C-alpha cells in the first residue's frame, strides 16, 4: 500500500506518442484504461487523467480523493534510449501501480475532520489497495515482480 505493485505484462502495449499527454517516456495509458474498466466493475465511478508522472485513475471523490496511479518505470537506460514517437514494447517495461487517498487543501471541512480524527481515511485506502492487489493477481498476463 505504501509503495504499490510492480509487474511485467504482455497485456499492455504502449501507444505511439501517448507520452505527449504526460511527459517524455511516461507511459501507461492502456494500463490506466484497463484499471478503469476493472474498478468500474467493482462499483467505482472512474475517470482516467494524464499526469506529468504517468496516469491517474480517479475512483472516488467523497470529500477526499481516492485514486490509483500507474505507469511505466523509468531508469537511466530508458531515458538515454528515449526516442520521440518510438516507445518501447509494453513487454519490455516494468509497470508500477499504487493506491492513494488525499484530502485537497481547499476542502477545509474535511481537513478539519481529518485533523480531529473524525474521518477514517485508512479503511477506504486499505479496501482499494486490496482490490488492486486482487485485480492484478487475477490477470494471467500480469506477473508481479520486485521493485526495480
N, C-alpha and C. Protein backbone atom coordinates (compact mmCIF):
# COMPACT_ATOMS: atom_id res chain seq x y z
N UNK A 1 0.83 -1.19 0.00
CA UNK A 1 0.00 0.00 0.00
C UNK A 1 0.87 1.25 0.00
N UNK A 2 2.01 1.19 0.68
CA UNK A 2 2.86 2.37 0.73
C UNK A 2 3.58 2.64 -0.58
N UNK A 3 3.99 1.56 -1.24
CA UNK A 3 4.79 1.78 -2.44
C UNK A 3 4.17 1.19 -3.70
N UNK A 4 3.17 0.36 -3.57
CA UNK A 4 2.48 -0.15 -4.74
C UNK A 4 2.96 -1.51 -5.20
N UNK A 5 2.69 -1.78 -6.46
CA UNK A 5 2.97 -3.08 -7.07
C UNK A 5 3.72 -2.87 -8.37
N UNK A 6 4.70 -3.74 -8.61
CA UNK A 6 5.48 -3.71 -9.84
C UNK A 6 5.22 -5.01 -10.58
N UNK A 7 5.18 -4.94 -11.90
CA UNK A 7 4.92 -6.16 -12.65
C UNK A 7 5.36 -6.02 -14.10
N UNK A 8 5.52 -7.17 -14.73
CA UNK A 8 5.76 -7.27 -16.17
C UNK A 8 4.46 -7.78 -16.77
N UNK A 9 4.21 -7.46 -18.03
CA UNK A 9 2.95 -7.89 -18.62
C UNK A 9 3.02 -7.97 -20.14
N UNK A 10 2.24 -8.89 -20.67
CA UNK A 10 2.06 -8.98 -22.12
C UNK A 10 0.73 -8.36 -22.53
N UNK A 11 0.03 -7.77 -21.57
CA UNK A 11 -1.32 -7.25 -21.80
C UNK A 11 -1.34 -5.82 -22.36
N UNK A 12 -0.36 -5.01 -22.02
CA UNK A 12 -0.41 -3.58 -22.32
C UNK A 12 0.67 -3.18 -23.32
N UNK A 13 0.23 -2.61 -24.41
CA UNK A 13 1.17 -2.04 -25.36
C UNK A 13 1.25 -0.53 -25.12
N UNK A 14 2.30 0.05 -25.60
CA UNK A 14 2.49 1.49 -25.46
C UNK A 14 2.11 2.13 -26.79
N UNK A 15 1.19 3.06 -26.73
CA UNK A 15 0.72 3.73 -27.94
C UNK A 15 1.74 4.79 -28.38
N UNK A 16 1.93 4.90 -29.69
CA UNK A 16 2.83 5.93 -30.21
C UNK A 16 2.38 7.29 -29.73
N UNK A 17 3.28 8.07 -29.25
CA UNK A 17 3.04 9.46 -28.83
C UNK A 17 2.10 9.60 -27.64
N UNK A 18 1.82 8.49 -26.91
CA UNK A 18 0.95 8.64 -25.73
C UNK A 18 1.60 9.52 -24.67
N UNK A 19 2.93 9.60 -24.70
CA UNK A 19 3.60 10.43 -23.70
C UNK A 19 3.48 11.93 -23.99
N UNK A 20 2.81 12.28 -25.08
CA UNK A 20 2.51 13.70 -25.32
C UNK A 20 1.52 14.22 -24.29
N UNK A 21 0.72 13.30 -23.71
CA UNK A 21 -0.25 13.69 -22.69
C UNK A 21 0.36 13.72 -21.29
N UNK A 22 1.55 13.15 -21.15
CA UNK A 22 2.22 13.09 -19.84
C UNK A 22 3.54 13.83 -19.95
N UNK A 23 4.63 13.11 -19.92
CA UNK A 23 5.97 13.64 -20.13
C UNK A 23 6.75 12.61 -20.94
N UNK A 24 7.83 13.00 -21.58
CA UNK A 24 8.59 12.04 -22.38
C UNK A 24 8.94 10.78 -21.59
N UNK A 25 8.57 9.63 -22.17
CA UNK A 25 8.89 8.35 -21.55
C UNK A 25 7.95 7.90 -20.45
N UNK A 26 6.90 8.66 -20.17
CA UNK A 26 5.91 8.29 -19.14
C UNK A 26 4.72 7.63 -19.83
N UNK A 27 4.68 6.30 -19.75
CA UNK A 27 3.67 5.52 -20.45
C UNK A 27 2.70 4.87 -19.46
N UNK A 28 1.63 4.29 -20.01
CA UNK A 28 0.70 3.56 -19.16
C UNK A 28 -0.76 3.81 -19.46
N UNK A 29 -1.06 4.39 -20.60
CA UNK A 29 -2.45 4.71 -20.93
C UNK A 29 -3.32 3.46 -20.98
N UNK A 30 -2.84 2.40 -21.66
CA UNK A 30 -3.64 1.17 -21.73
C UNK A 30 -3.82 0.55 -20.36
N UNK A 31 -2.80 0.60 -19.53
CA UNK A 31 -2.92 0.11 -18.15
C UNK A 31 -3.98 0.89 -17.40
N UNK A 32 -3.96 2.21 -17.52
CA UNK A 32 -4.93 3.06 -16.83
C UNK A 32 -6.36 2.77 -17.31
N UNK A 33 -6.53 2.60 -18.61
CA UNK A 33 -7.87 2.31 -19.15
C UNK A 33 -8.36 0.94 -18.67
N UNK A 34 -7.46 -0.03 -18.61
CA UNK A 34 -7.82 -1.36 -18.11
C UNK A 34 -8.20 -1.30 -16.63
N UNK A 35 -7.39 -0.60 -15.82
CA UNK A 35 -7.72 -0.45 -14.40
C UNK A 35 -9.06 0.26 -14.23
N UNK A 36 -9.30 1.26 -15.05
CA UNK A 36 -10.58 1.98 -15.00
C UNK A 36 -11.74 1.02 -15.24
N UNK A 37 -11.62 0.17 -16.25
CA UNK A 37 -12.67 -0.82 -16.53
C UNK A 37 -12.85 -1.79 -15.37
N UNK A 38 -11.74 -2.28 -14.83
CA UNK A 38 -11.81 -3.25 -13.73
C UNK A 38 -12.45 -2.65 -12.48
N UNK A 39 -12.11 -1.40 -12.19
CA UNK A 39 -12.66 -0.77 -10.98
C UNK A 39 -14.09 -0.27 -11.18
N UNK A 40 -14.47 -0.03 -12.42
CA UNK A 40 -15.87 0.25 -12.71
C UNK A 40 -16.71 -0.99 -12.41
N UNK A 41 -16.20 -2.16 -12.77
CA UNK A 41 -16.88 -3.42 -12.46
C UNK A 41 -17.04 -3.62 -10.95
N UNK A 42 -16.13 -3.05 -10.17
CA UNK A 42 -16.19 -3.17 -8.71
C UNK A 42 -17.11 -2.11 -8.09
N UNK A 43 -17.69 -1.25 -8.92
CA UNK A 43 -18.65 -0.28 -8.41
C UNK A 43 -18.15 1.15 -8.29
N UNK A 44 -16.92 1.40 -8.71
CA UNK A 44 -16.38 2.76 -8.66
C UNK A 44 -16.78 3.52 -9.93
N UNK A 45 -16.93 4.83 -9.79
CA UNK A 45 -17.11 5.69 -10.96
C UNK A 45 -15.75 6.28 -11.27
N UNK A 46 -15.11 5.76 -12.30
CA UNK A 46 -13.72 6.11 -12.56
C UNK A 46 -13.57 7.17 -13.64
N UNK A 47 -12.41 7.79 -13.61
CA UNK A 47 -12.04 8.78 -14.62
C UNK A 47 -10.53 8.65 -14.82
N UNK A 48 -10.08 8.56 -16.05
CA UNK A 48 -8.66 8.44 -16.36
C UNK A 48 -8.10 9.82 -16.68
N UNK A 49 -7.02 10.18 -15.98
CA UNK A 49 -6.45 11.52 -16.09
C UNK A 49 -4.94 11.40 -16.36
N UNK A 50 -4.45 12.00 -17.45
CA UNK A 50 -3.00 12.02 -17.65
C UNK A 50 -2.36 13.01 -16.67
N UNK A 51 -1.22 12.61 -16.13
CA UNK A 51 -0.45 13.46 -15.22
C UNK A 51 0.97 13.57 -15.76
N UNK A 52 1.75 14.47 -15.22
CA UNK A 52 3.11 14.62 -15.73
C UNK A 52 3.98 13.40 -15.40
N UNK A 53 3.62 12.61 -14.39
CA UNK A 53 4.40 11.45 -13.96
C UNK A 53 3.86 10.13 -14.51
N UNK A 54 2.67 10.14 -15.13
CA UNK A 54 2.05 8.90 -15.62
C UNK A 54 0.55 9.09 -15.72
N UNK A 55 -0.21 8.14 -15.19
CA UNK A 55 -1.67 8.15 -15.33
C UNK A 55 -2.36 7.97 -13.99
N UNK A 56 -3.43 8.69 -13.80
CA UNK A 56 -4.25 8.64 -12.59
C UNK A 56 -5.61 8.06 -12.96
N UNK A 57 -6.07 7.09 -12.16
CA UNK A 57 -7.42 6.56 -12.31
C UNK A 57 -8.19 7.01 -11.07
N UNK A 58 -8.95 8.09 -11.22
CA UNK A 58 -9.74 8.62 -10.10
C UNK A 58 -10.88 7.64 -9.84
N UNK A 59 -11.02 7.23 -8.58
CA UNK A 59 -12.04 6.23 -8.23
C UNK A 59 -13.13 6.79 -7.34
N UNK A 60 -12.80 7.76 -6.53
CA UNK A 60 -13.81 8.30 -5.62
C UNK A 60 -13.44 9.73 -5.23
N UNK A 61 -14.44 10.57 -5.18
CA UNK A 61 -14.26 11.95 -4.75
C UNK A 61 -15.38 12.24 -3.76
N UNK A 62 -15.12 11.92 -2.51
CA UNK A 62 -16.14 12.00 -1.47
C UNK A 62 -15.60 12.84 -0.30
N UNK A 63 -15.22 14.06 -0.60
CA UNK A 63 -14.54 14.88 0.40
C UNK A 63 -13.04 14.64 0.34
N UNK A 64 -12.67 13.41 0.08
CA UNK A 64 -11.28 13.03 -0.14
C UNK A 64 -11.19 12.49 -1.57
N UNK A 65 -9.98 12.38 -2.07
CA UNK A 65 -9.75 11.82 -3.40
C UNK A 65 -9.10 10.45 -3.24
N UNK A 66 -9.71 9.44 -3.81
CA UNK A 66 -9.20 8.07 -3.77
C UNK A 66 -8.87 7.69 -5.20
N UNK A 67 -7.60 7.40 -5.45
CA UNK A 67 -7.19 7.15 -6.82
C UNK A 67 -6.06 6.14 -6.92
N UNK A 68 -5.87 5.66 -8.13
CA UNK A 68 -4.78 4.75 -8.46
C UNK A 68 -3.83 5.48 -9.39
N UNK A 69 -2.57 5.37 -9.12
CA UNK A 69 -1.55 5.90 -10.02
C UNK A 69 -0.93 4.74 -10.77
N UNK A 70 -0.57 4.96 -12.02
CA UNK A 70 0.06 3.87 -12.76
C UNK A 70 0.93 4.42 -13.88
N UNK A 71 1.86 3.60 -14.30
CA UNK A 71 2.73 3.98 -15.39
C UNK A 71 3.90 3.03 -15.51
N UNK A 72 4.78 3.35 -16.43
CA UNK A 72 5.98 2.55 -16.65
C UNK A 72 7.11 3.11 -15.79
N UNK A 73 7.97 2.22 -15.35
CA UNK A 73 9.13 2.64 -14.58
C UNK A 73 10.20 3.18 -15.53
N UNK A 74 10.83 4.25 -15.13
CA UNK A 74 11.91 4.81 -15.93
C UNK A 74 13.23 4.55 -15.21
N UNK A 75 14.23 4.19 -15.98
CA UNK A 75 15.57 4.06 -15.43
C UNK A 75 16.53 4.82 -16.34
N UNK A 76 17.79 4.83 -15.96
CA UNK A 76 18.76 5.60 -16.74
C UNK A 76 18.82 5.13 -18.20
N UNK A 77 18.78 3.82 -18.38
CA UNK A 77 18.87 3.27 -19.74
C UNK A 77 17.68 3.70 -20.60
N UNK A 78 16.48 3.62 -20.03
CA UNK A 78 15.30 4.01 -20.83
C UNK A 78 15.32 5.50 -21.15
N UNK A 79 15.82 6.30 -20.24
CA UNK A 79 15.90 7.74 -20.51
C UNK A 79 16.96 8.04 -21.56
N UNK A 80 18.09 7.33 -21.52
CA UNK A 80 19.16 7.54 -22.50
C UNK A 80 18.73 7.09 -23.90
N UNK A 81 17.90 6.04 -23.97
CA UNK A 81 17.48 5.48 -25.26
C UNK A 81 16.15 6.05 -25.74
N UNK A 82 15.64 7.04 -25.07
CA UNK A 82 14.33 7.60 -25.44
C UNK A 82 14.38 8.22 -26.83
N UNK A 83 13.40 7.84 -27.67
CA UNK A 83 13.24 8.43 -28.99
C UNK A 83 11.77 8.83 -29.14
N UNK A 84 11.54 10.09 -29.39
CA UNK A 84 10.17 10.58 -29.53
C UNK A 84 9.43 9.80 -30.62
N UNK A 85 8.22 9.34 -30.28
CA UNK A 85 7.40 8.62 -31.23
C UNK A 85 7.79 7.16 -31.43
N UNK A 86 8.82 6.70 -30.71
CA UNK A 86 9.26 5.30 -30.81
C UNK A 86 9.35 4.70 -29.41
N UNK A 87 8.19 4.42 -28.82
CA UNK A 87 8.21 3.88 -27.46
C UNK A 87 8.69 2.43 -27.44
N UNK A 88 9.13 1.97 -26.27
CA UNK A 88 9.50 0.56 -26.16
C UNK A 88 8.25 -0.32 -26.25
N UNK A 89 8.44 -1.60 -26.39
CA UNK A 89 7.31 -2.54 -26.35
C UNK A 89 6.82 -2.65 -24.91
N UNK A 90 5.52 -2.84 -24.75
CA UNK A 90 4.95 -2.97 -23.41
C UNK A 90 5.53 -4.12 -22.62
N UNK A 91 6.00 -5.15 -23.33
CA UNK A 91 6.60 -6.31 -22.65
C UNK A 91 8.00 -6.02 -22.13
N UNK A 92 8.60 -4.91 -22.57
CA UNK A 92 9.97 -4.59 -22.19
C UNK A 92 10.06 -3.72 -20.94
N UNK A 93 8.94 -3.22 -20.46
CA UNK A 93 8.99 -2.30 -19.32
C UNK A 93 8.46 -2.97 -18.06
N UNK A 94 8.84 -2.40 -16.94
CA UNK A 94 8.25 -2.79 -15.66
C UNK A 94 7.17 -1.75 -15.37
N UNK A 95 5.97 -2.24 -15.10
CA UNK A 95 4.84 -1.37 -14.80
C UNK A 95 4.74 -1.19 -13.29
N UNK A 96 4.18 -0.06 -12.89
CA UNK A 96 4.01 0.24 -11.46
C UNK A 96 2.62 0.82 -11.26
N UNK A 97 1.95 0.36 -10.22
CA UNK A 97 0.66 0.94 -9.86
C UNK A 97 0.55 1.01 -8.35
N UNK A 98 -0.16 2.01 -7.86
CA UNK A 98 -0.24 2.25 -6.42
C UNK A 98 -1.56 2.95 -6.10
N UNK A 99 -1.96 2.86 -4.85
CA UNK A 99 -3.22 3.49 -4.41
C UNK A 99 -2.91 4.68 -3.51
N UNK A 100 -3.76 5.70 -3.60
CA UNK A 100 -3.56 6.95 -2.87
C UNK A 100 -4.90 7.47 -2.36
N UNK A 101 -4.87 8.03 -1.15
CA UNK A 101 -6.02 8.78 -0.66
C UNK A 101 -5.47 10.11 -0.16
N UNK A 102 -6.16 11.18 -0.50
CA UNK A 102 -5.70 12.50 -0.07
C UNK A 102 -6.88 13.44 0.10
N UNK A 103 -6.68 14.41 0.95
CA UNK A 103 -7.70 15.45 1.16
C UNK A 103 -7.17 16.72 0.51
N UNK A 104 -7.90 17.27 -0.46
CA UNK A 104 -7.45 18.50 -1.09
C UNK A 104 -7.32 19.64 -0.06
N UNK A 105 -6.30 20.43 -0.20
CA UNK A 105 -6.04 21.51 0.76
C UNK A 105 -7.17 22.52 0.83
N UNK A 106 -7.97 22.62 -0.22
CA UNK A 106 -9.05 23.61 -0.26
C UNK A 106 -10.34 23.10 0.38
N UNK A 107 -10.37 21.84 0.80
CA UNK A 107 -11.57 21.27 1.41
C UNK A 107 -11.43 21.37 2.93
N UNK A 108 -11.65 22.56 3.46
CA UNK A 108 -11.39 22.84 4.88
C UNK A 108 -12.21 21.98 5.82
N UNK A 109 -13.48 21.76 5.50
CA UNK A 109 -14.35 20.96 6.37
C UNK A 109 -13.78 19.55 6.55
N UNK A 110 -13.39 18.94 5.45
CA UNK A 110 -12.86 17.58 5.51
C UNK A 110 -11.48 17.57 6.16
N UNK A 111 -10.66 18.59 5.91
CA UNK A 111 -9.36 18.68 6.57
C UNK A 111 -9.51 18.75 8.08
N UNK A 112 -10.46 19.52 8.55
CA UNK A 112 -10.70 19.63 9.99
C UNK A 112 -11.16 18.28 10.55
N UNK A 113 -12.05 17.59 9.83
CA UNK A 113 -12.48 16.25 10.26
C UNK A 113 -11.28 15.31 10.35
N UNK A 114 -10.39 15.40 9.39
CA UNK A 114 -9.19 14.56 9.38
C UNK A 114 -8.30 14.89 10.58
N UNK A 115 -8.06 16.17 10.82
CA UNK A 115 -7.18 16.58 11.92
C UNK A 115 -7.71 16.13 13.28
N UNK A 116 -9.03 16.13 13.44
CA UNK A 116 -9.63 15.76 14.73
C UNK A 116 -10.00 14.28 14.79
N UNK A 117 -9.55 13.50 13.82
CA UNK A 117 -9.77 12.07 13.85
C UNK A 117 -11.20 11.64 13.58
N UNK A 118 -11.98 12.50 12.96
CA UNK A 118 -13.40 12.20 12.68
C UNK A 118 -13.60 11.62 11.28
N UNK A 119 -12.54 11.49 10.53
CA UNK A 119 -12.62 10.98 9.17
C UNK A 119 -11.67 9.80 9.03
N UNK A 120 -12.21 8.65 8.69
CA UNK A 120 -11.40 7.45 8.52
C UNK A 120 -10.89 7.38 7.08
N UNK A 121 -9.62 7.65 6.91
CA UNK A 121 -9.01 7.55 5.59
C UNK A 121 -8.33 6.20 5.38
N UNK A 122 -8.06 5.51 6.48
CA UNK A 122 -7.34 4.25 6.39
C UNK A 122 -8.19 3.14 5.75
N UNK A 123 -9.46 3.04 6.15
CA UNK A 123 -10.32 1.95 5.65
C UNK A 123 -10.52 2.00 4.13
N UNK A 124 -10.89 3.16 3.55
CA UNK A 124 -11.06 3.16 2.09
C UNK A 124 -9.75 2.89 1.34
N UNK A 125 -8.63 3.36 1.90
CA UNK A 125 -7.34 3.11 1.24
C UNK A 125 -6.98 1.63 1.31
N UNK A 126 -7.19 1.01 2.46
CA UNK A 126 -6.90 -0.42 2.59
C UNK A 126 -7.80 -1.24 1.67
N UNK A 127 -9.06 -0.83 1.55
CA UNK A 127 -10.01 -1.55 0.69
C UNK A 127 -9.59 -1.48 -0.77
N UNK A 128 -9.30 -0.28 -1.26
CA UNK A 128 -8.95 -0.16 -2.68
C UNK A 128 -7.60 -0.81 -2.97
N UNK A 129 -6.68 -0.77 -2.01
CA UNK A 129 -5.39 -1.41 -2.22
C UNK A 129 -5.55 -2.93 -2.30
N UNK A 130 -6.40 -3.48 -1.45
CA UNK A 130 -6.69 -4.92 -1.50
C UNK A 130 -7.35 -5.29 -2.83
N UNK A 131 -8.26 -4.45 -3.29
CA UNK A 131 -8.91 -4.69 -4.58
C UNK A 131 -7.89 -4.60 -5.72
N UNK A 132 -6.97 -3.65 -5.63
CA UNK A 132 -5.93 -3.51 -6.65
C UNK A 132 -5.07 -4.76 -6.69
N UNK A 133 -4.67 -5.24 -5.54
CA UNK A 133 -3.85 -6.45 -5.49
C UNK A 133 -4.60 -7.64 -6.09
N UNK A 134 -5.89 -7.77 -5.78
CA UNK A 134 -6.70 -8.86 -6.33
C UNK A 134 -6.85 -8.75 -7.85
N UNK A 135 -7.09 -7.54 -8.34
CA UNK A 135 -7.24 -7.34 -9.79
C UNK A 135 -5.95 -7.72 -10.51
N UNK A 136 -4.82 -7.28 -9.99
CA UNK A 136 -3.54 -7.59 -10.62
C UNK A 136 -3.24 -9.09 -10.56
N UNK A 137 -3.47 -9.69 -9.40
CA UNK A 137 -3.16 -11.11 -9.20
C UNK A 137 -4.07 -12.02 -10.02
N UNK A 138 -5.26 -11.54 -10.36
CA UNK A 138 -6.23 -12.35 -11.11
C UNK A 138 -5.98 -12.33 -12.61
N UNK A 139 -5.17 -11.43 -13.08
CA UNK A 139 -4.91 -11.32 -14.52
C UNK A 139 -3.71 -12.20 -14.90
N UNK A 140 -3.96 -13.20 -15.75
CA UNK A 140 -2.91 -14.16 -16.11
C UNK A 140 -1.78 -13.52 -16.92
N UNK A 141 -2.03 -12.39 -17.55
CA UNK A 141 -1.00 -11.73 -18.36
C UNK A 141 -0.15 -10.75 -17.55
N UNK A 142 -0.32 -10.80 -16.23
CA UNK A 142 0.46 -9.95 -15.33
C UNK A 142 1.29 -10.83 -14.42
N UNK A 143 2.59 -10.52 -14.34
CA UNK A 143 3.49 -11.25 -13.45
C UNK A 143 4.11 -10.24 -12.49
N UNK A 144 3.66 -10.30 -11.23
CA UNK A 144 4.20 -9.38 -10.22
C UNK A 144 5.70 -9.63 -10.07
N UNK A 145 6.44 -8.57 -9.79
CA UNK A 145 7.89 -8.69 -9.62
C UNK A 145 8.35 -7.74 -8.52
N UNK A 146 9.61 -7.80 -8.21
CA UNK A 146 10.19 -6.92 -7.21
C UNK A 146 10.35 -5.51 -7.77
N UNK A 147 10.41 -4.55 -6.87
CA UNK A 147 10.68 -3.17 -7.28
C UNK A 147 12.06 -3.12 -7.94
N UNK A 148 12.13 -2.52 -9.13
CA UNK A 148 13.44 -2.45 -9.80
C UNK A 148 14.42 -1.55 -9.06
